Amino acid sequence: MAEFQLIATATFGLEAVVAREVKALGYDKVKVENARVTFTGDEKAICRSNLWLRSADRVLIKMGEFPATSFEELFEKTKALPWPEIMPENACFPVEGKSIRSGLFSVPNCQAIVKKAVVESMKRKYRRQWFEETGPRYTIEVALLNDIATLTIDTSGAGLHKRGYRKLSARAPLKETLAAAMVMLSFWNPDRILADPFCGSGTIPIEAAMIGMNMAPGMWREFAAQEWPLLKRRVWEEALEEARDFLRHDIPLRIRGTDVDKEVLSLARYHASRAGLKGRIHWQQMPVSDLSSQDKFGIIICNPPYGQRLEDAATVEKLYREMGEVFRKLDTWSIYVLTAHRGFEKLFDRRADRRRKLYNGRIECQYYQFYGPRPPRRVEATR
């Protein structure tokens, strides 16, 4: 099989999480950069990374990277790349672009130059002057950063956060990729109870259940590269069969999603059912003030309201104080809270053991991590 340079794009702050996922899939030639993780893999790696990566945004084929300070340089170096090795004669290949701190700052002009260069490359292979572009989609991106051009083809299509289970949304939904990363950063495992007291439409509990059952997040959706002649149907079928084999229906889960809003809980139940998790998560209408548990060594992972609008600020600050009082009673639990409110620790009345900058959409947040004591190690009975 041919080898490709692949890029798993990532939201700022999640690069290390994505890199850990890539390595867990068995790809060890990994390079971590801002907002992307580059690795090497064959055709099956394209299928497996799309199916399995929980916190990445997209999987791209890296066609080339080179300095580009003039349109002529961008054209000639783009034309020299092996586009016909990836794209068939009838390929539909729109070009997207972005430019940051580069002399070639006109994105529309860069897109036009790249489109023309790819066409010239295709002409040499297919011996024709015009391409109808009626076939599978190969979205090309030209990304310029500090006068370095990176040319890629998107294999994912819709972003990887679109798992396929969330057809309806509550207000300000949390992206599935971010929710999964929050769970993975907690190092939760199914032996422990997990609670989300602000579950909304259910994204954190659902992503946790998928992790607990080792369910590939891309099992229920399609990807742009599934239509490509380059990737035979057999390769996709083998990757899907692998995902089905690794799925653990026998794992008992103790995941609770609670919220004060009855309507969003109905969405949560609907989404869980669509994800194949009906009956696997306990949903309950309940204010955070009623949260309690007899279980020790549980984990709370939540994304409470931020109070960014002036009229909501006082309500949210009162809520954070209440969270501090309620969560303090769960003194053997670990607590993970994502919020953009800069005064959270003071209101919560506890200093985080660790903070991590993450982005919820375009909102800069902190992921506050409060560690409880380690659970005692299980002693296996001897025969």
Protein backbone atom coordinates (compact mmCIF):
# COMPACT_ATOMS: atom_id res chain seq x y z
CA MET A 1 0.00 0.00 0.00
CA ALA A 2 1.07 3.58 -0.66
CA GLU A 3 2.09 5.77 2.25
CA PHE A 4 0.69 9.24 2.83
CA GLN A 5 1.57 12.20 4.98
CA LEU A 6 -1.63 12.78 6.94
CA ILE A 7 -2.68 15.74 9.06
CA ALA A 8 -5.21 15.47 11.88
CA THR A 9 -6.31 19.05 12.49
CA ALA A 10 -7.06 20.04 16.07
CA THR A 11 -8.56 22.88 18.06
CA PHE A 12 -5.86 24.89 19.86
CA GLY A 13 -5.08 23.22 23.16
CA LEU A 14 -6.03 19.71 22.03
CA GLU A 15 -2.98 18.87 19.92
CA ALA A 16 -1.46 16.60 22.59
CA VAL A 17 -4.77 14.75 23.02
CA VAL A 18 -5.02 14.16 19.25
CA ALA A 19 -1.38 13.02 19.13
CA ARG A 20 -2.07 10.51 21.89
CA GLU A 21 -5.03 9.17 19.92
CA VAL A 22 -2.97 8.86 16.73
CA LYS A 23 -0.26 6.93 18.57
CA ALA A 24 -2.90 4.66 20.15
CA LEU A 25 -3.98 3.71 16.61
CA GLY A 26 -0.44 2.48 16.00
CA TYR A 27 1.01 5.39 13.99
CA ASP A 28 4.25 6.44 15.66
CA LYS A 29 5.77 8.85 13.13
CA VAL A 30 3.98 11.76 14.75
CA LYS A 31 4.80 15.48 14.66
CA VAL A 32 2.82 17.90 16.84
CA GLU A 33 2.40 21.52 15.72
CA ASN A 34 -0.06 24.31 16.42
CA ALA A 35 -3.58 23.11 15.54
CA ARG A 36 -2.39 19.96 13.76
CA VAL A 37 -0.77 16.57 14.20
CA THR A 38 1.12 15.14 11.22
CA PHE A 39 1.66 11.40 10.86
CA THR A 40 2.40 8.77 8.21
CA GLY A 41 0.02 6.01 7.17
CA ASP A 42 -1.35 3.95 4.31
CA GLU A 43 -4.83 3.85 2.74
CA LYS A 44 -6.23 2.02 5.76
CA ALA A 45 -4.86 4.76 8.03
CA ILE A 46 -7.13 7.25 6.26
CA CYS A 47 -10.13 5.05 7.04
CA ARG A 48 -9.13 4.21 10.61
CA SER A 49 -8.21 7.76 11.62
CA ASN A 50 -11.53 9.10 10.34
CA LEU A 51 -13.43 6.36 12.16
CA TRP A 52 -11.55 6.49 15.47
CA LEU A 53 -10.21 9.99 16.19
CA ARG A 54 -12.47 11.52 18.84
CA SER A 55 -10.88 14.94 19.40
CA ALA A 56 -9.54 15.81 15.92
CA ASP A 57 -11.44 18.13 13.57
CA ARG A 58 -10.51 16.61 10.19
CA VAL A 59 -8.07 14.23 8.50
CA LEU A 60 -6.20 15.71 5.54
CA ILE A 61 -3.74 14.31 3.01
CA LYS A 62 -0.69 16.56 2.96
CA MET A 63 0.23 17.02 -0.70
CA GLY A 64 3.14 19.39 -0.20
CA GLU A 65 4.70 22.21 1.82
CA PHE A 66 7.06 24.85 0.47
CA PRO A 67 8.03 28.56 0.64
CA ALA A 68 5.82 30.74 -1.55
CA THR A 69 6.51 34.46 -1.77
CA SER A 70 5.16 35.04 -5.29
CA PHE A 71 2.18 33.81 -7.30
CA GLU A 72 4.57 32.31 -9.85
CA GLU A 73 6.31 30.28 -7.12
CA LEU A 74 2.96 29.14 -5.71
CA PHE A 75 1.79 28.11 -9.20
CA GLU A 76 4.90 26.17 -10.26
CA LYS A 77 5.35 24.31 -6.98
CA THR A 78 1.67 23.42 -6.77
CA LYS A 79 1.68 22.16 -10.38
CA ALA A 80 4.64 19.89 -9.55
CA LEU A 81 2.70 18.00 -6.85
CA PRO A 82 1.23 14.54 -7.71
CA TRP A 83 -2.46 15.51 -7.89
CA PRO A 84 -3.41 12.87 -10.54
CA GLU A 85 -2.10 10.12 -8.25
CA ILE A 86 -4.91 10.98 -5.82
CA MET A 87 -7.67 12.45 -8.00
CA PRO A 88 -9.43 10.73 -10.92
CA GLU A 89 -10.27 12.43 -14.21
CA ASN A 90 -13.82 13.33 -13.12
CA ALA A 91 -12.83 14.63 -9.66
CA CYS A 92 -14.62 17.67 -8.24
CA PHE A 93 -11.86 19.74 -6.63
CA PRO A 94 -12.91 23.08 -5.12
CA VAL A 95 -10.09 25.08 -3.53
CA GLU A 96 -10.33 26.75 -0.13
CA GLY A 97 -7.69 28.97 1.39
CA LYS A 98 -6.34 31.01 4.27
CA SER A 99 -3.34 33.28 4.71
CA ILE A 100 -1.71 34.42 7.95
CA ARG A 101 1.32 36.71 8.13
CA SER A 102 2.24 36.03 4.50
CA GLY A 103 3.10 38.21 1.53
CA LEU A 104 0.46 36.39 -0.53
CA PHE A 105 -2.36 37.79 1.55
CA SER A 106 -5.15 37.72 -1.06
CA VAL A 107 -6.90 34.41 -0.37
CA PRO A 108 -9.12 34.52 -3.51
CA ASN A 109 -6.05 35.05 -5.69
CA CYS A 110 -4.21 32.18 -4.01
CA GLN A 111 -7.21 29.92 -4.51
CA ALA A 112 -7.38 30.82 -8.20
CA ILE A 113 -3.64 30.21 -8.70
CA VAL A 114 -3.82 26.81 -6.99
CA LYS A 115 -6.89 25.80 -8.98
CA LYS A 116 -5.15 26.70 -12.24
CA ALA A 117 -1.98 24.83 -11.21
CA VAL A 118 -3.91 21.67 -10.30
CA VAL A 119 -5.74 21.78 -13.62
CA GLU A 120 -2.40 22.03 -15.46
CA SER A 121 -1.12 19.03 -13.50
CA MET A 122 -4.26 17.04 -14.36
CA LYS A 123 -3.94 17.98 -18.05
CA ARG A 124 -0.55 16.30 -18.30
CA LYS A 125 -1.94 13.04 -16.92
CA TYR A 126 -5.35 12.87 -18.58
CA ARG A 127 -4.57 14.59 -21.91
CA ARG A 128 -7.59 16.86 -21.95
CA GLN A 129 -8.13 20.61 -21.72
CA TRP A 130 -11.29 20.78 -19.62
CA PHE A 131 -12.58 18.83 -16.62
CA GLU A 132 -16.29 18.46 -15.91
CA GLU A 133 -15.79 17.82 -12.16
CA THR A 134 -18.87 15.59 -11.87
CA GLY A 135 -17.23 12.90 -9.71
CA PRO A 136 -16.22 12.49 -6.05
CA ARG A 137 -15.32 15.58 -4.05
CA TYR A 138 -11.68 16.36 -3.21
CA THR A 139 -11.62 19.64 -1.28
CA ILE A 140 -8.17 21.22 -1.64
CA GLU A 141 -6.89 23.78 0.84
CA VAL A 142 -3.99 26.18 0.38
CA ALA A 143 -2.88 27.42 3.79
CA LEU A 144 -0.21 30.12 3.94
CA LEU A 145 1.57 30.83 7.23
CA ASN A 146 4.67 33.03 7.38
CA ASP A 147 5.16 32.60 3.61
CA ILE A 148 5.05 28.77 3.83
CA ALA A 149 2.31 27.16 1.75
CA THR A 150 0.76 23.87 2.82
CA LEU A 151 -1.42 22.08 0.25
CA THR A 152 -3.86 19.44 1.49
CA ILE A 153 -6.89 17.39 0.42
CA ASP A 154 -9.69 16.83 2.92
CA THR A 155 -10.65 13.17 3.44
CA SER A 156 -13.36 13.76 6.05
CA GLY A 157 -15.99 15.91 4.37
CA ALA A 158 -18.14 17.15 7.24
CA GLY A 159 -16.06 17.86 10.36
CA LEU A 160 -15.35 14.89 12.60
CA HIS A 161 -17.46 16.42 15.38
CA LYS A 162 -20.49 15.47 13.29
CA ARG A 163 -20.82 11.93 14.59
CA GLY A 164 -24.31 11.51 13.18
CA TYR A 165 -26.24 11.14 16.42
CA ARG A 166 -27.00 14.79 17.10
CA LYS A 167 -29.75 15.92 14.73
CA LEU A 168 -31.30 18.40 17.14
CA SER A 169 -29.43 20.92 19.27
CA ALA A 170 -29.98 22.81 22.47
CA ARG A 171 -28.79 26.38 22.83
CA ALA A 172 -24.97 26.74 22.76
CA PRO A 173 -24.19 23.03 22.26
CA LEU A 174 -20.73 21.71 23.12
CA LYS A 175 -18.88 20.20 20.17
CA GLU A 176 -18.59 16.43 20.33
CA THR A 177 -14.83 16.58 19.74
CA LEU A 178 -14.31 18.95 22.68
CA ALA A 179 -16.57 16.88 24.93
CA ALA A 180 -14.60 13.73 24.09
CA ALA A 181 -11.32 15.54 24.80
CA MET A 182 -12.62 16.70 28.18
CA VAL A 183 -13.38 13.09 29.10
CA MET A 184 -10.02 11.84 27.84
CA LEU A 185 -8.16 14.54 29.77
CA SER A 186 -9.83 13.30 32.96
CA PHE A 187 -8.47 9.77 32.37
CA TRP A 188 -11.87 8.43 33.42
CA ASN A 189 -12.46 4.71 33.08
CA PRO A 190 -15.71 2.74 33.32
CA ASP A 191 -14.86 1.43 36.81
CA ARG A 192 -15.80 4.86 38.16
CA ILE A 193 -19.07 6.74 38.16
CA LEU A 194 -19.17 9.83 35.94
CA ALA A 195 -21.66 12.66 36.42
CA ASP A 196 -22.46 15.74 34.37
CA PRO A 197 -24.84 18.00 36.35
CA PHE A 198 -25.25 20.42 33.40
CA CYS A 199 -25.63 17.80 30.68
CA GLY A 200 -27.84 19.83 28.32
CA SER A 201 -28.47 17.77 25.18
CA GLY A 202 -26.17 15.05 26.49
CA THR A 203 -22.88 15.47 24.65
CA ILE A 204 -20.45 14.80 27.54
CA PRO A 205 -22.25 11.68 28.88
CA ILE A 206 -22.72 10.31 25.34
CA GLU A 207 -19.07 10.81 24.42
CA ALA A 208 -18.03 9.25 27.74
CA ALA A 209 -20.24 6.22 27.06
CA MET A 210 -18.72 5.82 23.60
CA ILE A 211 -15.24 5.93 25.14
CA GLY A 212 -16.25 3.47 27.87
CA MET A 213 -17.62 1.00 25.33
CA ASN A 214 -14.69 1.57 22.93
CA MET A 215 -17.14 2.66 20.25
CA ALA A 216 -15.53 4.27 17.21
CA PRO A 217 -17.14 7.74 16.97
CA GLY A 218 -17.30 7.62 13.17
CA MET A 219 -19.23 4.34 12.95
CA TRP A 220 -22.55 6.01 12.17
CA ARG A 221 -21.52 8.48 9.46
CA GLU A 222 -19.93 8.74 6.02
CA PHE A 223 -16.74 10.46 4.87
CA ALA A 224 -15.72 12.22 1.65
CA ALA A 225 -12.98 9.67 0.95
CA GLN A 226 -15.46 6.78 0.90
CA GLU A 227 -16.32 7.86 -2.65
CA TRP A 228 -12.71 7.95 -3.82
CA PRO A 229 -11.50 5.23 -6.26
CA LEU A 230 -8.13 5.42 -4.46
CA LEU A 231 -9.64 3.79 -1.36
CA LYS A 232 -11.23 0.50 -2.30
CA ARG A 233 -14.52 -0.48 -0.67
CA ARG A 234 -12.73 -3.47 0.89
CA VAL A 235 -10.40 -1.15 2.85
CA TRP A 236 -13.34 0.72 4.39
CA GLU A 237 -15.16 -2.54 5.14
CA GLU A 238 -12.11 -3.92 6.94
CA ALA A 239 -11.77 -0.75 9.02
CA LEU A 240 -15.48 -0.86 9.93
CA GLU A 241 -15.27 -4.55 10.79
CA GLU A 242 -12.36 -3.78 13.09
CA ALA A 243 -14.44 -1.08 14.79
CA ARG A 244 -17.33 -3.50 15.31
CA ASP A 245 -14.98 -6.13 16.73
CA PHE A 246 -13.55 -3.71 19.30
CA LEU A 247 -16.99 -2.47 20.46
CA ARG A 248 -17.65 -3.65 24.03
CA HIS A 249 -21.34 -4.13 24.75
CA ASP A 250 -20.47 -6.04 27.92
CA ILE A 251 -18.88 -3.08 29.74
CA PRO A 252 -21.13 -1.85 32.60
CA LEU A 253 -21.38 1.94 32.67
CA ARG A 254 -22.31 4.26 35.53
CA ILE A 255 -22.85 7.56 33.77
CA ARG A 256 -25.35 10.16 34.97
CA GLY A 257 -26.56 13.15 33.02
CA THR A 258 -28.68 15.63 34.94
CA ASP A 259 -30.04 19.05 34.11
CA VAL A 260 -32.69 21.41 35.43
CA ASP A 261 -34.21 21.75 31.93
CA LYS A 262 -36.70 19.01 31.09
CA GLU A 263 -36.73 19.81 27.35
CA VAL A 264 -32.97 19.41 26.83
CA LEU A 265 -33.09 16.09 28.67
CA SER A 266 -35.54 14.81 26.08
CA LEU A 267 -32.95 15.78 23.43
CA ALA A 268 -30.26 13.97 25.42
CA ARG A 269 -32.31 10.75 25.50
CA TYR A 270 -32.98 11.07 21.76
CA HIS A 271 -29.30 11.60 20.95
CA ALA A 272 -28.22 8.68 23.14
CA SER A 273 -30.70 6.43 21.36
CA ARG A 274 -29.39 7.52 17.94
CA ALA A 275 -25.83 6.77 19.12
CA GLY A 276 -26.78 3.21 20.02
CA LEU A 277 -26.64 3.99 23.76
CA LYS A 278 -30.28 3.64 24.78
CA GLY A 279 -30.43 2.52 28.40
CA ARG A 280 -26.69 2.98 28.92
CA ILE A 281 -26.87 6.44 30.54
CA HIS A 282 -29.06 7.51 33.46
CA TRP A 283 -30.83 10.81 32.70
CA GLN A 284 -32.62 12.82 35.37
CA GLN A 285 -34.14 16.28 35.73
CA MET A 286 -32.44 17.79 38.76
CA PRO A 287 -30.83 21.07 39.86
CA VAL A 288 -27.15 20.97 40.75
CA SER A 289 -28.06 21.70 44.38
CA ASP A 290 -29.55 18.19 44.66
CA LEU A 291 -26.43 16.41 43.41
CA SER A 292 -25.23 13.76 45.84
CA SER A 293 -23.84 10.25 45.74
CA GLN A 294 -22.89 7.38 48.03
CA ASP A 295 -20.21 6.37 45.53
CA LYS A 296 -16.61 7.21 46.29
CA PHE A 297 -13.97 8.20 43.79
CA GLY A 298 -16.35 9.42 41.09
CA ILE A 299 -15.72 12.07 38.47
CA ILE A 300 -17.69 15.19 37.58
CA ILE A 301 -17.13 16.61 34.09
CA CYS A 302 -19.25 19.61 33.16
CA ASN A 303 -19.65 22.69 31.02
CA PRO A 304 -21.82 25.07 33.11
CA PRO A 305 -23.16 28.43 31.86
CA TYR A 306 -20.47 31.11 31.44
CA GLY A 307 -22.53 34.23 32.15
CA GLN A 308 -21.02 36.22 29.30
CA ARG A 309 -24.12 38.36 28.90
CA LEU A 310 -24.35 41.10 31.51
CA GLU A 311 -27.86 40.10 32.59
CA ASP A 312 -26.70 36.52 33.29
CA ALA A 313 -23.55 37.34 35.26
CA ALA A 314 -25.09 37.52 38.73
CA THR A 315 -27.04 34.28 38.20
CA VAL A 316 -23.94 32.44 37.03
CA GLU A 317 -21.80 33.72 39.89
CA LYS A 318 -24.42 32.49 42.35
CA LEU A 319 -24.42 29.14 40.55
CA TYR A 320 -20.61 28.81 40.83
CA ARG A 321 -20.78 29.47 44.58
CA GLU A 322 -23.47 26.82 44.85
CA MET A 323 -21.33 24.38 42.86
CA GLY A 324 -18.48 24.95 45.31
CA GLU A 325 -20.72 24.11 48.28
CA VAL A 326 -22.28 21.03 46.65
CA PHE A 327 -19.10 19.60 45.13
CA ARG A 328 -17.18 20.11 48.40
CA LYS A 329 -19.28 17.32 49.93
CA LEU A 330 -17.94 14.94 47.27
CA ASP A 331 -14.45 15.23 48.69
CA THR A 332 -13.16 11.98 47.18
CA TRP A 333 -14.31 12.87 43.67
CA SER A 334 -12.29 14.48 40.88
CA ILE A 335 -13.93 17.51 39.29
CA TYR A 336 -13.41 18.97 35.81
CA VAL A 337 -15.10 22.23 34.82
CA LEU A 338 -14.94 24.12 31.51
CA THR A 339 -15.82 27.80 31.70
CA ALA A 340 -14.86 31.16 30.23
CA HIS A 341 -15.58 32.99 33.53
CA ARG A 342 -12.27 34.37 34.76
CA GLY A 343 -13.38 34.49 38.39
CA PHE A 344 -14.44 30.85 38.60
CA GLU A 345 -11.86 29.64 41.15
CA LYS A 346 -12.65 32.48 43.56
CA LEU A 347 -16.40 31.87 43.29
CA PHE A 348 -15.94 28.09 43.52
CA ASP A 349 -13.73 28.74 46.57
CA ARG A 350 -11.02 26.32 45.54
CA ARG A 351 -7.83 26.61 43.54
CA ALA A 352 -7.53 24.17 40.64
CA ASP A 353 -4.74 21.59 40.67
CA ARG A 354 -4.33 22.27 36.98
CA ARG A 355 -5.77 24.59 34.34
CA ARG A 356 -5.72 24.10 30.60
CA LYS A 357 -6.65 26.69 27.97
CA LEU A 358 -9.24 25.32 25.56
CA TYR A 359 -11.57 26.88 23.01
CA ASN A 360 -15.30 26.24 22.95
CA GLY A 361 -15.97 27.47 19.43
CA ARG A 362 -14.33 30.90 19.44
CA ILE A 363 -14.69 31.36 23.18
CA GLU A 364 -11.45 31.11 25.14
CA CYS A 365 -12.05 28.94 28.19
CA GLN A 366 -10.14 27.33 31.01
CA TYR A 367 -10.53 23.66 31.83
CA TYR A 368 -10.26 23.60 35.64
CA GLN A 369 -9.08 20.28 37.02
CA PHE A 370 -9.51 19.41 40.72
CA TYR A 371 -8.01 16.06 41.59
CA GLY A 372 -9.50 13.76 44.21
CA PRO A 373 -7.53 10.98 45.90
CA ARG A 374 -6.64 7.95 43.84
CA PRO A 375 -9.02 5.01 44.26
CA PRO A 376 -7.44 2.05 46.07
CA ARG A 377 -6.06 -0.56 43.71
CA ARG A 378 -8.18 -3.65 43.36
CA VAL A 379 -6.62 -6.77 44.87
CA GLU A 380 -7.30 -9.75 42.64
CA ALA A 381 -8.48 -12.87 44.47
CA THR A 382 -5.97 -15.72 44.34
CA ARG A 383 -6.95 -19.28 43.65
